C-alpha atoms as a PDB file:
ATOM      1  CA  MET A   1     129.034  95.881  96.520  1.00  0.00           C
ATOM      2  CA  SER A   2     131.025  93.922  99.073  1.00  0.00           C
ATOM      3  CA  ILE A   3     134.287  95.443 100.271  1.00  0.00           C
ATOM      4  CA  ILE A   4     135.606  91.954 100.941  1.00  0.00           C
ATOM      5  CA  THR A   5     136.643  90.881  97.461  1.00  0.00           C
ATOM      6  CA  ASN A   6     139.690  88.859  96.492  1.00  0.00           C
ATOM      7  CA  ILE A   7     140.090  87.510 100.045  1.00  0.00           C
ATOM      8  CA  ASN A   8     141.413  84.000  99.438  1.00  0.00           C
ATOM      9  CA  LYS A   9     140.126  81.284 101.798  1.00  0.00           C
ATOM     10  CA  VAL A  10     143.252  79.187 101.154  1.00  0.00           C
ATOM     11  CA  PHE A  11     145.272  81.790 103.081  1.00  0.00           C
ATOM     12  CA  ASP A  12     142.723  81.845 105.912  1.00  0.00           C
ATOM     13  CA  HIS A  13     145.044  80.273 108.502  1.00  0.00           C
ATOM     14  CA  ARG A  14     148.076  81.763 110.218  1.00  0.00           C
ATOM     15  CA  ILE A  15     150.352  78.852 109.233  1.00  0.00           C
ATOM     16  CA  ARG A  16     149.457  79.129 105.525  1.00  0.00           C
ATOM     17  CA  LEU A  17     149.784  82.903 105.667  1.00  0.00           C
ATOM     18  CA  GLY A  18     153.171  82.433 107.331  1.00  0.00           C
ATOM     19  CA  ILE A  19     154.395  79.866 104.803  1.00  0.00           C
ATOM     20  CA  MET A  20     153.475  82.161 101.925  1.00  0.00           C
ATOM     21  CA  SER A  21     154.963  85.250 103.600  1.00  0.00           C
ATOM     22  CA  ILE A  22     158.285  83.465 104.126  1.00  0.00           C
ATOM     23  CA  LEU A  23     158.341  82.076 100.596  1.00  0.00           C
ATOM     24  CA  MET A  24     157.468  85.441  99.031  1.00  0.00           C
ATOM     25  CA  VAL A  25     160.726  86.950 100.343  1.00  0.00           C
ATOM     26  CA  ASN A  26     162.915  83.848  99.956  1.00  0.00           C
ATOM     27  CA  GLU A  27     163.534  81.799  96.835  1.00  0.00           C
ATOM     28  CA  TYR A  28     162.728  78.681  98.858  1.00  0.00           C
ATOM     29  CA  ALA A  29     162.626  77.375 102.434  1.00  0.00           C
ATOM     30  CA  ASP A  30     162.999  73.872 103.787  1.00  0.00           C
ATOM     31  CA  PHE A  31     160.602  72.122 106.140  1.00  0.00           C
ATOM     32  CA  ASN A  32     162.693  72.613 109.287  1.00  0.00           C
ATOM     33  CA  THR A  33     163.221  76.325 108.601  1.00  0.00           C
ATOM     34  CA  LEU A  34     159.486  76.876 108.132  1.00  0.00           C
ATOM     35  CA  LYS A  35     158.722  74.808 111.233  1.00  0.00           C
ATOM     36  CA  GLU A  36     161.149  76.841 113.335  1.00  0.00           C
ATOM     37  CA  LEU A  37     160.064  80.256 112.006  1.00  0.00           C
ATOM     38  CA  LEU A  38     156.356  79.506 112.389  1.00  0.00           C
ATOM     39  CA  GLY A  39     156.498  77.563 115.662  1.00  0.00           C
ATOM     40  CA  ALA A  40     154.465  74.776 114.068  1.00  0.00           C
ATOM     41  CA  THR A  41     154.419  71.050 114.753  1.00  0.00           C
ATOM     42  CA  ASP A  42     155.493  68.616 112.022  1.00  0.00           C
ATOM     43  CA  GLY A  43     151.924  67.462 111.380  1.00  0.00           C
ATOM     44  CA  ASN A  44     150.457  70.956 111.417  1.00  0.00           C
ATOM     45  CA  LEU A  45     153.045  72.339 108.997  1.00  0.00           C
ATOM     46  CA  ALA A  46     152.772  69.302 106.724  1.00  0.00           C
ATOM     47  CA  SER A  47     148.979  69.540 106.433  1.00  0.00           C
ATOM     48  CA  HIS A  48     149.017  73.284 105.694  1.00  0.00           C
ATOM     49  CA  ALA A  49     151.834  72.888 103.181  1.00  0.00           C
ATOM     50  CA  LYS A  50     149.814  70.104 101.530  1.00  0.00           C
ATOM     51  CA  ALA A  51     146.795  72.432 101.215  1.00  0.00           C
ATOM     52  CA  LEU A  52     148.958  75.091  99.528  1.00  0.00           C
ATOM     53  CA  GLU A  53     150.501  72.444  97.270  1.00  0.00           C
ATOM     54  CA  LYS A  54     147.044  71.124  96.329  1.00  0.00           C
ATOM     55  CA  ALA A  55     146.005  74.672  95.354  1.00  0.00           C
ATOM     56  CA  THR A  56     149.234  74.773  93.260  1.00  0.00           C
ATOM     57  CA  TYR A  57     150.435  77.832  95.190  1.00  0.00           C
ATOM     58  CA  ILE A  58     153.686  76.162  96.271  1.00  0.00           C
ATOM     59  CA  SER A  59     155.943  73.528  94.774  1.00  0.00           C
ATOM     60  CA  VAL A  60     157.598  70.801  96.806  1.00  0.00           C
ATOM     61  CA  GLU A  61     161.002  69.323  96.114  1.00  0.00           C
ATOM     62  CA  LYS A  62     162.146  66.287  98.071  1.00  0.00           C
ATOM     63  CA  GLN A  63     165.802  65.348  98.072  1.00  0.00           C
ATOM     64  CA  PHE A  64     168.488  63.797 100.227  1.00  0.00           C
ATOM     65  CA  ILE A  65     171.293  65.830 101.728  1.00  0.00           C
ATOM     66  CA  GLY A  66     173.833  63.219 102.716  1.00  0.00           C
ATOM     67  CA  ARG A  67     171.587  60.508 104.108  1.00  0.00           C
ATOM     68  CA  LYS A  68     168.949  62.880 105.481  1.00  0.00           C
ATOM     69  CA  PRO A  69     165.714  63.592 103.635  1.00  0.00           C
ATOM     70  CA  ASN A  70     165.089  67.266 102.931  1.00  0.00           C
ATOM     71  CA  THR A  71     161.821  68.831 101.777  1.00  0.00           C
ATOM     72  CA  ARG A  72     162.062  72.244 100.212  1.00  0.00           C
ATOM     73  CA  TYR A  73     159.194  74.566  99.272  1.00  0.00           C
ATOM     74  CA  ALA A  74     158.919  77.454  96.815  1.00  0.00           C
ATOM     75  CA  THR A  75     156.048  79.574  95.566  1.00  0.00           C
ATOM     76  CA  THR A  76     154.641  78.997  92.111  1.00  0.00           C
ATOM     77  CA  LYS A  77     153.838  81.836  89.721  1.00  0.00           C
ATOM     78  CA  LEU A  78     150.137  81.243  90.447  1.00  0.00           C
ATOM     79  CA  GLY A  79     150.795  81.247  94.200  1.00  0.00           C
ATOM     80  CA  ARG A  80     152.706  84.541  94.078  1.00  0.00           C
ATOM     81  CA  ALA A  81     149.911  86.203  92.093  1.00  0.00           C
ATOM     82  CA  ALA A  82     147.158  84.826  94.366  1.00  0.00           C
ATOM     83  CA  PHE A  83     148.994  85.856  97.533  1.00  0.00           C
ATOM     84  CA  LYS A  84     149.664  89.360  96.220  1.00  0.00           C
ATOM     85  CA  LYS A  85     145.972  89.716  95.332  1.00  0.00           C
ATOM     86  CA  HIS A  86     145.035  88.504  98.842  1.00  0.00           C
ATOM     87  CA  ILE A  87     147.401  90.979 100.561  1.00  0.00           C
ATOM     88  CA  ASP A  88     146.165  93.835  98.351  1.00  0.00           C
ATOM     89  CA  ALA A  89     142.573  92.938  99.299  1.00  0.00           C
ATOM     90  CA  LEU A  90     143.472  92.934 103.014  1.00  0.00           C
ATOM     91  CA  GLU A  91     145.174  96.321 102.671  1.00  0.00           C
ATOM     92  CA  LYS A  92     142.129  97.702 100.882  1.00  0.00           C
ATOM     93  CA  LEU A  93     139.875  96.326 103.627  1.00  0.00           C
ATOM     94  CA  ILE A  94     142.039  97.885 106.362  1.00  0.00           C
ATOM     95  CA  ASN A  95     142.177 101.231 104.578  1.00  0.00           C
ATOM     96  CA  THR A  96     138.370 101.445 104.241  1.00  0.00           C
ATOM     97  CA  GLN A  97     137.860 101.308 108.006  1.00  0.00           C
END
């Protein structure tokens, strides 16, 4: 039996892991906040957020604040469950060493 079970390939990048970690402890975060916290470029953050959105792990809400566009992200129920399973699997892997 493999000890690497429930490791989710979607979370296999530091930016995606970071996005999910931030969103797990906050109700939501906007694009600029995520960009600043993760030290990511616009394009890099956008592509990783898109991958998480495509997997339906995060939801995206676009709105205008004044005249400025604002993109806000939140985890979905599926995303929270998948991320928790991934973290539990990593902890199990670490604890078997």
